[in-house]
Amino acid sequence: MEAKHWISEAERIDVLNQATEVINYWQENGKKTSMAEAQSKFPEVAFSGSN
């Protein structure tokens, strides 16, 4: 992300913090959480894939 000069440092930090939150949530809740539940918990994050 550092090579993307159009993204400010504050935005990079925000994106990385959001990614960390999602990863931690997924690790704690694992397969018992549906994609829809994760999307409702993190509405500002775009999820892709299947569940």
C-alpha atoms as a PDB file:
ATOM      1  CA  MET A   1       0.000   0.000   0.000  1.00  0.00           C
ATOM      2  CA  GLU A   2       2.942   2.319   0.500  1.00  0.00           C
ATOM      3  CA  ALA A   3       3.466   2.356  -3.269  1.00  0.00           C
ATOM      4  CA  LYS A   4      -0.044   3.779  -3.729  1.00  0.00           C
ATOM      5  CA  HIS A   5       0.852   7.435  -3.267  1.00  0.00           C
ATOM      6  CA  TRP A   6      -2.716   8.615  -3.842  1.00  0.00           C
ATOM      7  CA  ILE A   7      -3.781   6.900  -0.619  1.00  0.00           C
ATOM      8  CA  SER A   8      -3.002   9.037   2.400  1.00  0.00           C
ATOM      9  CA  GLU A   9      -1.249   7.584   5.418  1.00  0.00           C
ATOM     10  CA  ALA A  10      -4.402   8.031   7.482  1.00  0.00           C
ATOM     11  CA  GLU A  11      -6.444   6.090   4.895  1.00  0.00           C
ATOM     12  CA  ARG A  12      -3.852   3.299   4.790  1.00  0.00           C
ATOM     13  CA  ILE A  13      -3.961   3.003   8.562  1.00  0.00           C
ATOM     14  CA  ASP A  14      -7.766   2.926   8.488  1.00  0.00           C
ATOM     15  CA  VAL A  15      -7.834   0.175   5.838  1.00  0.00           C
ATOM     16  CA  LEU A  16      -5.267  -1.919   7.694  1.00  0.00           C
ATOM     17  CA  ASN A  17      -7.158  -1.493  10.978  1.00  0.00           C
ATOM     18  CA  GLN A  18     -10.405  -2.593   9.317  1.00  0.00           C
ATOM     19  CA  ALA A  19      -8.679  -5.602   7.799  1.00  0.00           C
ATOM     20  CA  THR A  20      -7.285  -6.534  11.208  1.00  0.00           C
ATOM     21  CA  GLU A  21     -10.753  -6.277  12.768  1.00  0.00           C
ATOM     22  CA  VAL A  22     -12.248  -8.538  10.091  1.00  0.00           C
ATOM     23  CA  ILE A  23      -9.423 -11.078  10.420  1.00  0.00           C
ATOM     24  CA  ASN A  24      -9.765 -11.160  14.202  1.00  0.00           C
ATOM     25  CA  TYR A  25     -13.551 -11.524  13.934  1.00  0.00           C
ATOM     26  CA  TRP A  26     -13.193 -14.374  11.442  1.00  0.00           C
ATOM     27  CA  GLN A  27     -10.590 -16.140  13.600  1.00  0.00           C
ATOM     28  CA  GLU A  28     -12.749 -15.866  16.727  1.00  0.00           C
ATOM     29  CA  ASN A  29     -16.026 -16.872  15.086  1.00  0.00           C
ATOM     30  CA  GLY A  30     -14.754 -19.127  12.326  1.00  0.00           C
ATOM     31  CA  LYS A  31     -17.152 -21.294  10.362  1.00  0.00           C
ATOM     32  CA  LYS A  32     -20.080 -20.681  12.678  1.00  0.00           C
ATOM     33  CA  THR A  33     -20.495 -17.200  11.180  1.00  0.00           C
ATOM     34  CA  SER A  34     -22.169 -16.701   7.818  1.00  0.00           C
ATOM     35  CA  MET A  35     -20.972 -14.223   5.213  1.00  0.00           C
ATOM     36  CA  ALA A  36     -24.194 -12.252   5.764  1.00  0.00           C
ATOM     37  CA  GLU A  37     -23.459 -11.947   9.489  1.00  0.00           C
ATOM     38  CA  ALA A  38     -19.929 -10.739   8.817  1.00  0.00           C
ATOM     39  CA  GLN A  39     -21.216  -8.240   6.250  1.00  0.00           C
ATOM     40  CA  SER A  40     -23.746  -6.860   8.716  1.00  0.00           C
ATOM     41  CA  LYS A  41     -21.033  -6.488  11.366  1.00  0.00           C
ATOM     42  CA  PHE A  42     -18.697  -4.690   8.919  1.00  0.00           C
ATOM     43  CA  PRO A  43     -20.977  -2.777   6.512  1.00  0.00           C
ATOM     44  CA  GLU A  44     -18.117  -0.565   5.298  1.00  0.00           C
ATOM     45  CA  VAL A  45     -16.130  -3.591   4.060  1.00  0.00           C
ATOM     46  CA  ALA A  46     -16.714  -5.220   0.663  1.00  0.00           C
ATOM     47  CA  PHE A  47     -16.664  -9.015   1.005  1.00  0.00           C
ATOM     48  CA  SER A  48     -16.194 -11.368  -1.906  1.00  0.00           C
ATOM     49  CA  GLY A  49     -16.273 -15.121  -2.137  1.00  0.00           C
ATOM     50  CA  SER A  50     -18.791 -17.608  -0.889  1.00  0.00           C
ATOM     51  CA  ASN A  51     -19.910 -19.161   2.339  1.00  0.00           C
END
